[in-house]
C-alpha cells in the first residue's frame, strides 16, 4: 500500500503537468512544467525500482533526466 502511494504521487505530478499543458495553462518551456515532470519522474524511478519494474524504471529515468536538464536550463535563464 505504501508503495502505491509513492507511485500515485509521482504519477499525479506528471499527469498534472500534462493536463496543465494540454489546457494551455503551462507551456513546455515553463520552469514549473519542467519541475513537476522532473520531481514526478524521479519519484517514479524510485517506485519502479522498488516494485522491480525495470522497463518502467528506464522510461522514467530518461523522462527525469530530460526534465532535470530542462530545469537546469530554465534556472540559468532566471
PDB file of N, CA and C in Angstrom:
ATOM      1  N   UNK A   1       0.820  -1.201   0.000  1.00  0.00           N
ATOM      2  CA  UNK A   1       0.000   0.000   0.000  1.00  0.00           C
ATOM      3  C   UNK A   1       0.860   1.260   0.000  1.00  0.00           C
ATOM      4  N   UNK A   2       1.905   1.300   0.834  1.00  0.00           N
ATOM      5  CA  UNK A   2       2.787   2.465   0.882  1.00  0.00           C
ATOM      6  C   UNK A   2       3.449   2.703  -0.464  1.00  0.00           C
ATOM      7  N   UNK A   3       3.856   1.629  -1.130  1.00  0.00           N
ATOM      8  CA  UNK A   3       4.470   1.771  -2.447  1.00  0.00           C
ATOM      9  C   UNK A   3       3.492   2.377  -3.437  1.00  0.00           C
ATOM     10  N   UNK A   4       2.249   1.974  -3.352  1.00  0.00           N
ATOM     11  CA  UNK A   4       1.238   2.538  -4.250  1.00  0.00           C
ATOM     12  C   UNK A   4       1.083   4.039  -4.045  1.00  0.00           C
ATOM     13  N   UNK A   5       1.159   4.489  -2.809  1.00  0.00           N
ATOM     14  CA  UNK A   5       1.050   5.925  -2.523  1.00  0.00           C
ATOM     15  C   UNK A   5       2.199   6.672  -3.199  1.00  0.00           C
ATOM     16  N   UNK A   6       3.405   6.126  -3.107  1.00  0.00           N
ATOM     17  CA  UNK A   6       4.560   6.734  -3.770  1.00  0.00           C
ATOM     18  C   UNK A   6       4.323   6.805  -5.274  1.00  0.00           C
ATOM     19  N   UNK A   7       3.901   5.697  -5.851  1.00  0.00           N
ATOM     20  CA  UNK A   7       3.641   5.654  -7.287  1.00  0.00           C
ATOM     21  C   UNK A   7       2.549   6.616  -7.717  1.00  0.00           C
ATOM     22  N   UNK A   8       1.470   6.655  -6.973  1.00  0.00           N
ATOM     23  CA  UNK A   8       0.373   7.564  -7.321  1.00  0.00           C
ATOM     24  C   UNK A   8       0.787   9.029  -7.189  1.00  0.00           C
ATOM     25  N   UNK A   9       1.626   9.342  -6.211  1.00  0.00           N
ATOM     26  CA  UNK A   9       2.082  10.722  -6.050  1.00  0.00           C
ATOM     27  C   UNK A   9       2.936  11.154  -7.242  1.00  0.00           C
ATOM     28  N   UNK A  10       3.906  10.331  -7.620  1.00  0.00           N
ATOM     29  CA  UNK A  10       4.742  10.656  -8.778  1.00  0.00           C
ATOM     30  C   UNK A  10       3.931  10.757 -10.051  1.00  0.00           C
ATOM     31  N   UNK A  11       3.029   9.806 -10.245  1.00  0.00           N
ATOM     32  CA  UNK A  11       2.162   9.814 -11.417  1.00  0.00           C
ATOM     33  C   UNK A  11       1.290  11.059 -11.442  1.00  0.00           C
ATOM     34  N   UNK A  12       0.798  11.475 -10.280  1.00  0.00           N
ATOM     35  CA  UNK A  12      -0.063  12.656 -10.199  1.00  0.00           C
ATOM     36  C   UNK A  12       0.675  13.924 -10.612  1.00  0.00           C
ATOM     37  N   UNK A  13       1.935  14.041 -10.223  1.00  0.00           N
ATOM     38  CA  UNK A  13       2.716  15.218 -10.617  1.00  0.00           C
ATOM     39  C   UNK A  13       2.889  15.283 -12.131  1.00  0.00           C
ATOM     40  N   UNK A  14       3.242  14.156 -12.733  1.00  0.00           N
ATOM     41  CA  UNK A  14       3.439  14.115 -14.182  1.00  0.00           C
ATOM     42  C   UNK A  14       2.123  14.344 -14.904  1.00  0.00           C
ATOM     43  N   UNK A  15       1.074  13.705 -14.446  1.00  0.00           N
ATOM     44  CA  UNK A  15      -0.235  13.856 -15.083  1.00  0.00           C
ATOM     45  C   UNK A  15      -0.753  15.285 -14.945  1.00  0.00           C
ATOM     46  N   UNK A  16      -0.536  15.907 -13.787  1.00  0.00           N
ATOM     47  CA  UNK A  16      -0.961  17.291 -13.589  1.00  0.00           C
ATOM     48  C   UNK A  16      -0.239  18.220 -14.566  1.00  0.00           C
ATOM     49  N   UNK A  17       1.076  18.024 -14.724  1.00  0.00           N
ATOM     50  CA  UNK A  17       1.840  18.842 -15.675  1.00  0.00           C
ATOM     51  C   UNK A  17       1.314  18.646 -17.094  1.00  0.00           C
ATOM     52  N   UNK A  18       1.004  17.413 -17.443  1.00  0.00           N
ATOM     53  CA  UNK A  18       0.458  17.114 -18.771  1.00  0.00           C
ATOM     54  C   UNK A  18      -0.876  17.824 -18.987  1.00  0.00           C
ATOM     55  N   UNK A  19      -1.759  17.738 -18.006  1.00  0.00           N
ATOM     56  CA  UNK A  19      -3.079  18.374 -18.123  1.00  0.00           C
ATOM     57  C   UNK A  19      -2.936  19.890 -18.225  1.00  0.00           C
ATOM     58  N   UNK A  20      -2.084  20.472 -17.398  1.00  0.00           N
ATOM     59  CA  UNK A  20      -1.885  21.922 -17.450  1.00  0.00           C
ATOM     60  C   UNK A  20      -1.350  22.355 -18.812  1.00  0.00           C
ATOM     61  N   UNK A  21      -0.508  21.530 -19.404  1.00  0.00           N
ATOM     62  CA  UNK A  21      -0.005  21.828 -20.743  1.00  0.00           C
ATOM     63  C   UNK A  21      -1.109  21.703 -21.784  1.00  0.00           C
ATOM     64  N   UNK A  22      -1.918  20.685 -21.666  1.00  0.00           N
ATOM     65  CA  UNK A  22      -2.983  20.458 -22.640  1.00  0.00           C
ATOM     66  C   UNK A  22      -4.052  21.541 -22.605  1.00  0.00           C
ATOM     67  N   UNK A  23      -4.309  22.102 -21.433  1.00  0.00           N
ATOM     68  CA  UNK A  23      -5.316  23.164 -21.344  1.00  0.00           C
ATOM     69  C   UNK A  23      -4.679  24.551 -21.483  1.00  0.00           C
ATOM     70  N   UNK A  24      -3.416  24.561 -21.896  1.00  0.00           N
ATOM     71  CA  UNK A  24      -2.684  25.797 -22.222  1.00  0.00           C
ATOM     72  C   UNK A  24      -2.429  26.709 -21.026  1.00  0.00           C
ATOM     73  N   UNK A  25      -2.392  26.135 -19.828  1.00  0.00           N
ATOM     74  CA  UNK A  25      -2.039  26.922 -18.640  1.00  0.00           C
ATOM     75  C   UNK A  25      -0.522  26.958 -18.447  1.00  0.00           C
ATOM     76  N   UNK A  26       0.134  25.855 -18.773  1.00  0.00           N
ATOM     77  CA  UNK A  26       1.591  25.767 -18.740  1.00  0.00           C
ATOM     78  C   UNK A  26       2.059  25.401 -20.132  1.00  0.00           C
ATOM     79  N   UNK A  27       3.302  25.812 -20.438  1.00  0.00           N
ATOM     80  CA  UNK A  27       3.886  25.500 -21.740  1.00  0.00           C
ATOM     81  C   UNK A  27       5.166  24.699 -21.527  1.00  0.00           C
ATOM     82  N   UNK A  28       5.621  24.049 -22.584  1.00  0.00           N
ATOM     83  CA  UNK A  28       6.796  23.184 -22.481  1.00  0.00           C
ATOM     84  C   UNK A  28       8.029  23.922 -21.977  1.00  0.00           C
ATOM     85  N   UNK A  29       8.090  25.222 -22.196  1.00  0.00           N
ATOM     86  CA  UNK A  29       9.260  25.983 -21.765  1.00  0.00           C
ATOM     87  C   UNK A  29       9.075  26.652 -20.398  1.00  0.00           C
ATOM     88  N   UNK A  30       7.973  26.371 -19.715  1.00  0.00           N
ATOM     89  CA  UNK A  30       7.749  26.914 -18.370  1.00  0.00           C
ATOM     90  C   UNK A  30       8.539  26.101 -17.340  1.00  0.00           C
ATOM     91  N   UNK A  31       9.215  26.804 -16.451  1.00  0.00           N
ATOM     92  CA  UNK A  31      10.013  26.137 -15.425  1.00  0.00           C
ATOM     93  C   UNK A  31       9.151  25.247 -14.531  1.00  0.00           C
ATOM     94  N   UNK A  32       7.963  25.688 -14.173  1.00  0.00           N
ATOM     95  CA  UNK A  32       7.091  24.896 -13.294  1.00  0.00           C
ATOM     96  C   UNK A  32       6.710  23.568 -13.952  1.00  0.00           C
ATOM     97  N   UNK A  33       6.491  23.591 -15.255  1.00  0.00           N
ATOM     98  CA  UNK A  33       6.186  22.374 -16.014  1.00  0.00           C
ATOM     99  C   UNK A  33       7.350  21.390 -15.904  1.00  0.00           C
ATOM    100  N   UNK A  34       8.565  21.907 -16.085  1.00  0.00           N
ATOM    101  CA  UNK A  34       9.749  21.052 -16.011  1.00  0.00           C
ATOM    102  C   UNK A  34       9.982  20.528 -14.597  1.00  0.00           C
ATOM    103  N   UNK A  35       9.729  21.356 -13.597  1.00  0.00           N
ATOM    104  CA  UNK A  35       9.915  20.922 -12.207  1.00  0.00           C
ATOM    105  C   UNK A  35       8.952  19.788 -11.859  1.00  0.00           C
ATOM    106  N   UNK A  36       7.688  19.940 -12.222  1.00  0.00           N
ATOM    107  CA  UNK A  36       6.715  18.880 -11.936  1.00  0.00           C
ATOM    108  C   UNK A  36       7.110  17.581 -12.638  1.00  0.00           C
ATOM    109  N   UNK A  37       7.549  17.672 -13.892  1.00  0.00           N
ATOM    110  CA  UNK A  37       7.967  16.478 -14.620  1.00  0.00           C
ATOM    111  C   UNK A  37       9.221  15.858 -14.016  1.00  0.00           C
ATOM    112  N   UNK A  38      10.179  16.689 -13.608  1.00  0.00           N
ATOM    113  CA  UNK A  38      11.417  16.173 -13.029  1.00  0.00           C
ATOM    114  C   UNK A  38      11.160  15.476 -11.696  1.00  0.00           C
ATOM    115  N   UNK A  39      10.434  16.134 -10.814  1.00  0.00           N
ATOM    116  CA  UNK A  39      10.154  15.541  -9.495  1.00  0.00           C
ATOM    117  C   UNK A  39       9.297  14.286  -9.652  1.00  0.00           C
ATOM    118  N   UNK A  40       8.272  14.379 -10.477  1.00  0.00           N
ATOM    119  CA  UNK A  40       7.434  13.209 -10.729  1.00  0.00           C
ATOM    120  C   UNK A  40       8.228  12.062 -11.327  1.00  0.00           C
ATOM    121  N   UNK A  41       9.119  12.379 -12.264  1.00  0.00           N
ATOM    122  CA  UNK A  41       9.949  11.351 -12.890  1.00  0.00           C
ATOM    123  C   UNK A  41      10.876  10.671 -11.902  1.00  0.00           C
ATOM    124  N   UNK A  42      11.508  11.454 -11.042  1.00  0.00           N
ATOM    125  CA  UNK A  42      12.406  10.877 -10.031  1.00  0.00           C
ATOM    126  C   UNK A  42      11.624   9.974  -9.078  1.00  0.00           C
ATOM    127  N   UNK A  43      10.468  10.434  -8.642  1.00  0.00           N
ATOM    128  CA  UNK A  43       9.639   9.608  -7.755  1.00  0.00           C
ATOM    129  C   UNK A  43       9.240   8.313  -8.458  1.00  0.00           C
ATOM    130  N   UNK A  44       8.911   8.398  -9.730  1.00  0.00           N
ATOM    131  CA  UNK A  44       8.517   7.200 -10.470  1.00  0.00           C
ATOM    132  C   UNK A  44       9.696   6.252 -10.683  1.00  0.00           C
ATOM    133  N   UNK A  45      10.913   6.783 -10.794  1.00  0.00           N
ATOM    134  CA  UNK A  45      12.102   5.928 -10.876  1.00  0.00           C
ATOM    135  C   UNK A  45      12.246   5.136  -9.579  1.00  0.00           C
ATOM    136  N   UNK A  46      12.110   5.811  -8.456  1.00  0.00           N
ATOM    137  CA  UNK A  46      12.200   5.131  -7.158  1.00  0.00           C
ATOM    138  C   UNK A  46      11.114   4.068  -7.050  1.00  0.00           C
ATOM    139  N   UNK A  47       9.908   4.434  -7.412  1.00  0.00           N
ATOM    140  CA  UNK A  47       8.789   3.490  -7.361  1.00  0.00           C
ATOM    141  C   UNK A  47       9.049   2.271  -8.250  1.00  0.00           C
ATOM    142  N   UNK A  48       9.481   2.521  -9.478  1.00  0.00           N
ATOM    143  CA  UNK A  48       9.739   1.416 -10.406  1.00  0.00           C
ATOM    144  C   UNK A  48      10.832   0.492  -9.871  1.00  0.00           C
ATOM    145  N   UNK A  49      11.853   1.067  -9.258  1.00  0.00           N
ATOM    146  CA  UNK A  49      12.915   0.260  -8.668  1.00  0.00           C
ATOM    147  C   UNK A  49      12.370  -0.602  -7.526  1.00  0.00           C
ATOM    148  N   UNK A  50      11.565   0.000  -6.676  1.00  0.00           N
ATOM    149  CA  UNK A  50      11.033  -0.728  -5.520  1.00  0.00           C
ATOM    150  C   UNK A  50      10.113  -1.881  -5.919  1.00  0.00           C
ATOM    151  N   UNK A  51       9.381  -1.708  -7.009  1.00  0.00           N
ATOM    152  CA  UNK A  51       8.489  -2.786  -7.452  1.00  0.00           C
ATOM    153  C   UNK A  51       9.158  -3.692  -8.486  1.00  0.00           C
ATOM    154  N   UNK A  52      10.436  -3.397  -8.781  1.00  0.00           N
ATOM    155  CA  UNK A  52      11.215  -4.167  -9.753  1.00  0.00           C
ATOM    156  C   UNK A  52      10.596  -4.111 -11.156  1.00  0.00           C
ATOM    157  N   UNK A  53      10.074  -2.945 -11.493  1.00  0.00           N
ATOM    158  CA  UNK A  53       9.512  -2.711 -12.823  1.00  0.00           C
ATOM    159  C   UNK A  53      10.561  -2.044 -13.695  1.00  0.00           C
ATOM    160  N   UNK A  54      11.529  -2.841 -14.169  1.00  0.00           N
ATOM    161  CA  UNK A  54      12.704  -2.279 -14.815  1.00  0.00           C
ATOM    162  C   UNK A  54      12.440  -1.571 -16.150  1.00  0.00           C
ATOM    163  N   UNK A  55      11.560  -2.065 -17.016  1.00  0.00           N
ATOM    164  CA  UNK A  55      11.251  -1.275 -18.219  1.00  0.00           C
ATOM    165  C   UNK A  55      10.651   0.086 -17.850  1.00  0.00           C
ATOM    166  N   UNK A  56       9.799   0.099 -16.853  1.00  0.00           N
ATOM    167  CA  UNK A  56       9.183   1.321 -16.352  1.00  0.00           C
ATOM    168  C   UNK A  56      10.245   2.234 -15.734  1.00  0.00           C
ATOM    169  N   UNK A  57      11.232   1.636 -15.069  1.00  0.00           N
ATOM    170  CA  UNK A  57      12.336   2.388 -14.489  1.00  0.00           C
ATOM    171  C   UNK A  57      13.122   3.109 -15.577  1.00  0.00           C
ATOM    172  N   UNK A  58      13.437   2.409 -16.660  1.00  0.00           N
ATOM    173  CA  UNK A  58      14.195   3.014 -17.764  1.00  0.00           C
ATOM    174  C   UNK A  58      13.421   4.178 -18.372  1.00  0.00           C
ATOM    175  N   UNK A  59      12.144   3.965 -18.639  1.00  0.00           N
ATOM    176  CA  UNK A  59      11.303   5.024 -19.200  1.00  0.00           C
ATOM    177  C   UNK A  59      11.324   6.264 -18.311  1.00  0.00           C
ATOM    178  N   UNK A  60      11.104   6.086 -17.034  1.00  0.00           N
ATOM    179  CA  UNK A  60      11.029   7.224 -16.125  1.00  0.00           C
ATOM    180  C   UNK A  60      12.391   7.830 -15.825  1.00  0.00           C
ATOM    181  N   UNK A  61      13.440   7.037 -15.894  1.00  0.00           N
ATOM    182  CA  UNK A  61      14.791   7.574 -15.733  1.00  0.00           C
ATOM    183  C   UNK A  61      15.090   8.558 -16.856  1.00  0.00           C
ATOM    184  N   UNK A  62      14.785   8.166 -18.081  1.00  0.00           N
ATOM    185  CA  UNK A  62      15.003   9.060 -19.222  1.00  0.00           C
ATOM    186  C   UNK A  62      14.118  10.296 -19.094  1.00  0.00           C
ATOM    187  N   UNK A  63      12.859  10.096 -18.721  1.00  0.00           N
ATOM    188  CA  UNK A  63      11.918  11.209 -18.512  1.00  0.00           C
ATOM    189  C   UNK A  63      12.491  12.199 -17.490  1.00  0.00           C
ATOM    190  N   UNK A  64      12.983  11.670 -16.370  1.00  0.00           N
ATOM    191  CA  UNK A  64      13.515  12.516 -15.301  1.00  0.00           C
ATOM    192  C   UNK A  64      14.777  13.247 -15.744  1.00  0.00           C
ATOM    193  N   UNK A  65      15.675  12.560 -16.433  1.00  0.00           N
ATOM    194  CA  UNK A  65      16.928  13.184 -16.877  1.00  0.00           C
ATOM    195  C   UNK A  65      16.651  14.340 -17.827  1.00  0.00           C
ATOM    196  N   UNK A  66      15.778  14.121 -18.799  1.00  0.00           N
ATOM    197  CA  UNK A  66      15.434  15.189 -19.746  1.00  0.00           C
ATOM    198  C   UNK A  66      14.789  16.360 -19.004  1.00  0.00           C
ATOM    199  N   UNK A  67      13.909  16.065 -18.070  1.00  0.00           N
ATOM    200  CA  UNK A  67      13.231  17.119 -17.313  1.00  0.00           C
ATOM    201  C   UNK A  67      14.199  17.871 -16.403  1.00  0.00           C
ATOM    202  N   UNK A  68      15.121  17.159 -15.777  1.00  0.00           N
ATOM    203  CA  UNK A  68      16.123  17.810 -14.927  1.00  0.00           C
ATOM    204  C   UNK A  68      17.007  18.726 -15.766  1.00  0.00           C
ATOM    205  N   UNK A  69      17.390  18.267 -16.943  1.00  0.00           N
ATOM    206  CA  UNK A  69      18.165  19.111 -17.859  1.00  0.00           C
ATOM    207  C   UNK A  69      17.402  20.396 -18.163  1.00  0.00           C
ATOM    208  N   UNK A  70      16.104  20.269 -18.437  1.00  0.00           N
ATOM    209  CA  UNK A  70      15.285  21.444 -18.741  1.00  0.00           C
ATOM    210  C   UNK A  70      15.145  22.368 -17.529  1.00  0.00           C
ATOM    211  N   UNK A  71      15.091  21.804 -16.327  1.00  0.00           N
ATOM    212  CA  UNK A  71      15.045  22.629 -15.115  1.00  0.00           C
ATOM    213  C   UNK A  71      16.336  23.434 -14.996  1.00  0.00           C
ATOM    214  N   UNK A  72      17.461  22.785 -15.219  1.00  0.00           N
ATOM    215  CA  UNK A  72      18.757  23.476 -15.137  1.00  0.00           C
ATOM    216  C   UNK A  72      18.828  24.602 -16.162  1.00  0.00           C
ATOM    217  N   UNK A  73      18.414  24.327 -17.383  1.00  0.00           N
ATOM    218  CA  UNK A  73      18.389  25.360 -18.427  1.00  0.00           C
ATOM    219  C   UNK A  73      17.468  26.502 -18.014  1.00  0.00           C
ATOM    220  N   UNK A  74      16.294  26.170 -17.481  1.00  0.00           N
ATOM    221  CA  UNK A  74      15.344  27.190 -17.042  1.00  0.00           C
ATOM    222  C   UNK A  74      15.882  28.047 -15.907  1.00  0.00           C
ATOM    223  N   UNK A  75      16.590  27.421 -14.974  1.00  0.00           N
ATOM    224  CA  UNK A  75      17.155  28.173 -13.850  1.00  0.00           C
ATOM    225  C   UNK A  75      18.254  29.126 -14.308  1.00  0.00           C
ATOM    226  N   UNK A  76      19.002  28.731 -15.327  1.00  0.00           N
ATOM    227  CA  UNK A  76      20.054  29.603 -15.857  1.00  0.00           C
ATOM    228  C   UNK A  76      19.475  30.843 -16.526  1.00  0.00           C
ATOM    229  N   UNK A  77      18.234  30.755 -16.984  1.00  0.00           N
ATOM    230  CA  UNK A  77      17.590  31.896 -17.642  1.00  0.00           C
ATOM    231  C   UNK A  77      17.060  32.924 -16.650  1.00  0.00           C
ATOM    232  N   UNK A  78      16.956  32.549 -15.371  1.00  0.00           N
ATOM    233  CA  UNK A  78      16.411  33.473 -14.361  1.00  0.00           C
ATOM    234  C   UNK A  78      17.375  34.594 -14.044  1.00  0.00           C
TER     235      UNK A  78
END
